[in-house]
């Protein structure tokens, strides 16, 4: 079978990405632009498409009669038209559980950097501000400990549960948010609005879908009575960027730490970029998932899925 990998460049240089067993013809592209005709041209002979974030819409799927499998190198599947896959008998696989160490650790990197104004203080050392100040330490922005703070987790899957373990090691109280508008399913969960009201930090780990699109918006931000830090390692579209910008400016929330954005790469007109120098705002370029070990684990899992798919069709 022929497999075409449309955006191999989403992996780090040096990560070995061999063809899965059973793939006899393996074509790779470092990236593939958002051009429907180009995607179709590159995949016209493919039995299997491998991609991370290339948009595979109904028109593309309908134009590829040989296509049997779309294998994503990610957990989220919102870049592929799943109804079209069903209609044309194309299997759609994702990979889950590969970043259960990488994403939680990145979550706390973002959280600690924002709570302790890490980038701000680094710059004050590097640009000579500390030297000019003359004191043995600089403390013009408060350092905030995690111990005894309440962490609200929205999205309690494998990653959310690992974040829970780490948070408790820091001495935090953890609240698991029930789905918005629903009663808590059991004593482990807390009503969504109550989590918003009680949390000092809120971390987002939920998928992006119709229910979570702009889940963090003007109305939900107004319910955050403790001026929390929000950490987003889920999907950019879960947060309304303009509403969050307004919330920072009005001090409804203390800051924002995010690995994901509504448009990626982030566009120059995104209002969040007005906080580039804010001491409690930190951004990373959608790489929370991508520790070396996570990438290697992902490819091992993906390769087995593809090999099993081929075996089952032979």
Protein backbone atom coordinates (compact mmCIF):
# COMPACT_ATOMS: atom_id res chain seq x y z
CA UNK A 1 0.00 0.00 0.00
CA UNK A 2 1.08 3.59 -0.61
CA UNK A 3 1.16 5.96 2.35
CA UNK A 4 1.59 9.71 1.97
CA UNK A 5 2.72 11.76 4.98
CA UNK A 6 1.61 15.34 4.29
CA UNK A 7 3.30 17.25 7.10
CA UNK A 8 6.32 15.38 8.39
CA UNK A 9 7.79 18.73 9.44
CA UNK A 10 5.46 18.81 12.45
CA UNK A 11 7.94 16.42 14.07
CA UNK A 12 11.35 17.45 15.36
CA UNK A 13 14.44 16.95 13.23
CA UNK A 14 16.21 13.81 14.33
CA UNK A 15 13.06 11.85 15.23
CA UNK A 16 13.09 8.62 13.22
CA UNK A 17 9.82 8.20 11.31
CA UNK A 18 10.17 4.98 9.27
CA UNK A 19 7.38 3.62 7.12
CA UNK A 20 4.98 1.40 9.08
CA UNK A 21 5.15 -2.32 8.35
CA UNK A 22 3.10 -3.20 5.27
CA UNK A 23 3.64 0.14 3.54
CA UNK A 24 5.40 -0.60 0.26
CA UNK A 25 5.46 2.96 -1.12
CA UNK A 26 6.12 5.76 1.38
CA UNK A 27 6.00 9.39 0.22
CA UNK A 28 6.68 12.24 2.64
CA UNK A 29 6.31 16.01 2.44
CA UNK A 30 7.70 18.39 5.01
CA UNK A 31 4.49 20.45 4.84
CA UNK A 32 1.43 20.78 2.65
CA UNK A 33 -0.23 24.19 2.09
CA UNK A 34 -3.97 24.74 2.40
CA UNK A 35 -4.60 24.06 -1.27
CA UNK A 36 -7.30 21.51 -2.06
CA UNK A 37 -5.98 20.77 -5.55
CA UNK A 38 -2.45 20.23 -4.23
CA UNK A 39 -3.66 17.90 -1.46
CA UNK A 40 -5.62 15.86 -4.01
CA UNK A 41 -2.64 15.74 -6.37
CA UNK A 42 -0.29 14.54 -3.65
CA UNK A 43 -2.72 11.89 -2.44
CA UNK A 44 -4.29 10.67 -5.69
CA UNK A 45 -2.49 7.30 -5.55
CA UNK A 46 -2.52 6.95 -1.77
CA UNK A 47 -4.20 4.17 0.14
CA UNK A 48 -3.25 5.87 3.41
CA UNK A 49 -2.89 9.54 4.31
CA UNK A 50 -0.83 10.38 7.38
CA UNK A 51 -1.20 13.93 8.66
CA UNK A 52 -1.16 16.05 11.77
CA UNK A 53 -3.07 19.23 10.96
CA UNK A 54 -3.74 19.33 7.19
CA UNK A 55 -7.45 19.96 6.59
CA UNK A 56 -9.02 16.96 4.86
CA UNK A 57 -12.52 18.01 3.83
CA UNK A 58 -15.36 16.19 2.10
CA UNK A 59 -14.30 17.39 -1.34
CA UNK A 60 -10.80 15.96 -0.87
CA UNK A 61 -12.08 12.60 0.40
CA UNK A 62 -14.59 12.33 -2.46
CA UNK A 63 -11.78 12.90 -4.97
CA UNK A 64 -9.60 10.04 -3.69
CA UNK A 65 -11.25 6.72 -4.64
CA UNK A 66 -8.19 4.67 -3.60
CA UNK A 67 -8.12 6.12 -0.10
CA UNK A 68 -8.71 3.59 2.66
CA UNK A 69 -7.32 5.20 5.83
CA UNK A 70 -6.60 8.64 7.22
CA UNK A 71 -4.15 8.25 10.09
CA UNK A 72 -3.69 11.33 12.25
CA UNK A 73 -0.50 11.99 14.19
CA UNK A 74 -2.56 13.67 16.90
CA UNK A 75 -5.48 13.08 19.22
CA UNK A 76 -7.81 15.80 17.94
CA UNK A 77 -9.73 14.93 14.77
CA UNK A 78 -11.48 18.21 13.99
CA UNK A 79 -9.34 18.76 10.86
CA UNK A 80 -10.97 15.82 9.06
CA UNK A 81 -14.56 15.55 7.83
CA UNK A 82 -15.67 12.44 9.72
CA UNK A 83 -19.06 12.24 7.99
CA UNK A 84 -17.31 12.11 4.61
CA UNK A 85 -15.05 9.33 5.89
CA UNK A 86 -18.10 7.30 6.87
CA UNK A 87 -19.82 7.99 3.56
CA UNK A 88 -16.82 6.85 1.49
CA UNK A 89 -15.80 3.95 3.77
CA UNK A 90 -12.53 5.57 4.79
CA UNK A 91 -11.21 4.62 8.21
CA UNK A 92 -10.11 7.47 10.46
CA UNK A 93 -7.61 6.82 13.24
CA UNK A 94 -6.05 9.14 15.76
CA UNK A 95 -3.34 8.53 18.37
CA UNK A 96 -4.11 9.05 22.03
CA UNK A 97 -2.11 8.72 25.20
CA UNK A 98 1.33 9.44 23.75
CA UNK A 99 1.78 12.77 25.57
CA UNK A 100 0.70 11.79 29.07
CA UNK A 101 4.06 12.97 30.41
CA UNK A 102 4.85 15.80 28.00
CA UNK A 103 1.59 17.79 28.21
CA UNK A 104 1.20 17.71 32.01
CA UNK A 105 4.83 18.76 32.50
CA UNK A 106 4.34 21.58 29.98
CA UNK A 107 1.18 22.58 31.82
CA UNK A 108 3.16 23.17 34.99
CA UNK A 109 5.97 24.91 33.13
CA UNK A 110 3.41 27.43 31.88
CA UNK A 111 1.66 27.65 35.24
CA UNK A 112 4.81 28.21 37.30
CA UNK A 113 6.31 30.65 34.82
CA UNK A 114 3.15 32.78 34.93
CA UNK A 115 2.59 32.57 38.68
CA UNK A 116 6.21 33.48 39.41
CA UNK A 117 6.59 35.97 36.52
CA UNK A 118 9.50 33.94 35.21
CA UNK A 119 9.98 35.56 31.82
CA UNK A 120 9.60 39.04 33.30
CA UNK A 121 12.32 38.41 35.89
CA UNK A 122 14.62 36.73 33.40
CA UNK A 123 14.46 39.86 31.27
CA UNK A 124 15.18 42.11 34.26
CA UNK A 125 18.37 40.17 34.90
CA UNK A 126 19.39 40.12 31.24
CA UNK A 127 18.71 43.79 30.43
CA UNK A 128 20.53 45.24 33.45
CA UNK A 129 17.43 46.34 35.38
CA UNK A 130 18.47 44.30 38.42
CA UNK A 131 21.99 45.70 38.32
CA UNK A 132 20.68 49.26 38.09
CA UNK A 133 18.32 48.61 41.00
CA UNK A 134 21.23 47.68 43.24
CA UNK A 135 19.33 45.47 45.70
CA UNK A 136 20.30 41.82 46.29
CA UNK A 137 16.89 40.76 44.93
CA UNK A 138 14.10 42.15 42.78
CA UNK A 139 10.48 41.63 43.82
CA UNK A 140 8.34 44.24 42.11
CA UNK A 141 5.92 41.58 40.75
CA UNK A 142 4.57 39.23 43.47
CA UNK A 143 5.64 35.59 43.35
CA UNK A 144 2.63 33.31 43.86
CA UNK A 145 3.03 29.83 45.35
CA UNK A 146 0.94 26.91 44.13
CA UNK A 147 0.65 25.34 47.57
CA UNK A 148 -2.80 25.83 49.13
CA UNK A 149 -4.22 27.16 45.85
CA UNK A 150 -7.26 25.58 44.17
CA UNK A 151 -6.83 24.16 40.69
CA UNK A 152 -9.90 23.69 38.50
CA UNK A 153 -9.47 21.13 35.72
CA UNK A 154 -11.74 21.25 32.68
CA UNK A 155 -11.32 18.00 30.78
CA UNK A 156 -10.55 15.04 33.02
CA UNK A 157 -9.03 12.49 30.68
CA UNK A 158 -5.64 10.83 31.02
CA UNK A 159 -3.82 14.15 30.89
CA UNK A 160 -6.20 15.89 33.29
CA UNK A 161 -5.72 13.07 35.78
CA UNK A 162 -1.94 13.28 35.53
CA UNK A 163 -2.16 17.04 36.09
CA UNK A 164 -4.21 16.22 39.17
CA UNK A 165 -1.42 14.03 40.56
CA UNK A 166 1.23 16.69 40.03
CA UNK A 167 -0.96 19.44 41.46
CA UNK A 168 -1.56 17.48 44.63
CA UNK A 169 2.20 16.97 44.98
CA UNK A 170 2.48 20.77 45.01
CA UNK A 171 -0.12 20.90 47.78
CA UNK A 172 -2.97 22.19 45.62
CA UNK A 173 -6.66 21.40 46.06
CA UNK A 174 -8.03 19.99 42.81
CA UNK A 175 -11.57 20.35 41.47
CA UNK A 176 -12.75 18.35 38.46
CA UNK A 177 -15.31 20.32 36.46
CA UNK A 178 -18.45 18.54 35.33
CA UNK A 179 -19.70 19.36 31.82
CA UNK A 180 -21.29 22.78 31.63
CA UNK A 181 -24.97 22.73 32.59
CA UNK A 182 -24.92 19.19 33.99
CA UNK A 183 -25.14 17.96 37.56
CA UNK A 184 -21.95 16.33 38.89
CA UNK A 185 -21.92 12.66 37.89
CA UNK A 186 -20.41 11.59 41.22
CA UNK A 187 -18.58 13.00 44.23
CA UNK A 188 -15.32 13.28 42.26
CA UNK A 189 -16.78 16.06 40.13
CA UNK A 190 -17.87 19.62 40.93
CA UNK A 191 -20.43 21.72 39.09
CA UNK A 192 -18.88 23.70 36.26
CA UNK A 193 -19.86 27.14 37.55
CA UNK A 194 -18.64 26.28 41.04
CA UNK A 195 -15.23 25.34 39.66
CA UNK A 196 -15.04 28.68 37.88
CA UNK A 197 -15.88 30.52 41.10
CA UNK A 198 -13.55 28.63 43.43
CA UNK A 199 -10.39 28.19 41.36
CA UNK A 200 -7.13 30.14 41.63
CA UNK A 201 -5.86 28.39 38.49
CA UNK A 202 -7.93 26.81 35.71
CA UNK A 203 -6.38 24.38 33.24
CA UNK A 204 -8.03 23.33 29.98
CA UNK A 205 -7.62 19.76 28.68
CA UNK A 206 -10.92 19.18 26.84
CA UNK A 207 -11.43 18.50 23.12
CA UNK A 208 -12.68 21.20 20.76
CA UNK A 209 -16.22 20.51 19.58
CA UNK A 210 -19.58 22.27 19.30
CA UNK A 211 -20.04 22.18 23.08
CA UNK A 212 -16.58 23.56 23.92
CA UNK A 213 -16.16 26.17 21.16
CA UNK A 214 -15.53 29.45 23.05
CA UNK A 215 -16.32 27.70 26.33
CA UNK A 216 -14.22 30.40 27.98
CA UNK A 217 -16.13 33.52 26.98
CA UNK A 218 -17.44 36.76 28.43
CA UNK A 219 -20.10 34.98 30.48
CA UNK A 220 -17.92 32.23 31.93
CA UNK A 221 -15.06 34.64 32.62
CA UNK A 222 -17.45 36.77 34.67
CA UNK A 223 -18.03 33.80 36.98
CA UNK A 224 -14.33 33.57 37.90
CA UNK A 225 -14.49 35.48 41.17
CA UNK A 226 -10.94 34.72 42.35
CA UNK A 227 -9.11 36.30 39.38
CA UNK A 228 -7.53 33.01 38.32
CA UNK A 229 -4.71 32.20 35.97
CA UNK A 230 -6.00 30.28 32.94
CA UNK A 231 -3.75 27.67 31.31
CA UNK A 232 -4.74 26.35 27.88
CA UNK A 233 -3.02 23.23 26.55
CA UNK A 234 -6.13 21.95 24.76
CA UNK A 235 -7.25 23.87 21.65
CA UNK A 236 -7.21 27.59 20.92
CA UNK A 237 -10.87 27.68 19.91
CA UNK A 238 -11.97 26.75 23.43
CA UNK A 239 -11.11 30.32 24.41
CA UNK A 240 -12.65 33.48 22.95
CA UNK A 241 -9.45 35.48 22.45
CA UNK A 242 -11.12 38.89 22.52
CA UNK A 243 -13.13 38.11 25.64
CA UNK A 244 -10.01 36.83 27.37
CA UNK A 245 -8.06 39.92 26.32
CA UNK A 246 -10.78 42.09 27.83
CA UNK A 247 -10.72 40.00 31.02
CA UNK A 248 -6.98 40.53 31.48
CA UNK A 249 -7.30 44.25 30.83
CA UNK A 250 -10.14 44.53 33.37
CA UNK A 251 -8.28 42.28 35.86
CA UNK A 252 -11.06 39.68 35.90
CA UNK A 253 -8.22 37.16 35.59
CA UNK A 254 -4.61 37.48 36.66
CA UNK A 255 -3.10 36.12 33.47
CA UNK A 256 -3.11 33.58 30.66
CA UNK A 257 -0.65 30.83 29.75
CA UNK A 258 -1.33 29.12 26.44
CA UNK A 259 0.20 26.62 24.05
CA UNK A 260 -2.66 26.88 21.54
CA UNK A 261 -4.45 29.60 19.59
CA UNK A 262 -7.53 30.10 17.44
CA UNK A 263 -5.33 30.46 14.35
CA UNK A 264 -2.01 28.61 14.21
CA UNK A 265 0.55 29.95 13.73
CA UNK A 266 -0.89 32.87 15.69
CA UNK A 267 -1.72 35.81 13.44
CA UNK A 268 -0.23 39.25 13.94
CA UNK A 269 -3.65 40.76 14.64
CA UNK A 270 -4.55 38.33 17.44
CA UNK A 271 -5.46 40.53 20.43
CA UNK A 272 -3.54 38.23 22.77
CA UNK A 273 -0.28 39.50 21.32
CA UNK A 274 -0.92 42.85 23.01
CA UNK A 275 0.22 41.04 26.19
CA UNK A 276 3.65 40.06 24.88
CA UNK A 277 5.28 41.89 27.81
CA UNK A 278 2.70 41.06 30.48
CA UNK A 279 4.44 39.42 33.48
CA UNK A 280 1.75 36.75 33.83
CA UNK A 281 1.16 35.95 30.17
CA UNK A 282 3.26 33.25 28.51
CA UNK A 283 2.87 31.61 25.12
CA UNK A 284 4.39 28.53 23.52
CA UNK A 285 3.98 27.49 19.85
CA UNK A 286 1.70 24.43 20.20
CA UNK A 287 4.55 22.18 21.29
CA UNK A 288 3.33 20.93 24.69
CA UNK A 289 2.80 17.48 23.15
CA UNK A 290 6.23 17.27 21.61
CA UNK A 291 8.90 16.06 24.00
CA UNK A 292 11.32 13.71 22.26
CA UNK A 293 9.98 10.70 24.13
CA UNK A 294 6.38 11.66 23.32
CA UNK A 295 7.15 11.94 19.61
CA UNK A 296 8.87 8.57 19.60
CA UNK A 297 5.98 6.98 21.48
CA UNK A 298 3.47 8.54 19.09
CA UNK A 299 5.20 7.09 16.04
CA UNK A 300 5.43 3.65 17.61
CA UNK A 301 1.71 3.70 18.37
CA UNK A 302 0.83 5.05 14.92
CA UNK A 303 3.00 2.49 13.15
CA UNK A 304 1.30 -0.38 14.95
CA UNK A 305 -2.16 0.99 14.10
CA UNK A 306 -1.29 1.31 10.42
CA UNK A 307 0.38 -2.11 10.29
CA UNK A 308 -2.63 -3.72 11.98
CA UNK A 309 -4.98 -1.97 9.54
CA UNK A 310 -3.01 -3.33 6.58
CA UNK A 311 -2.87 -6.82 8.07
CA UNK A 312 -6.62 -6.85 8.61
CA UNK A 313 -7.27 -5.96 4.97
CA UNK A 314 -4.90 -8.53 3.48
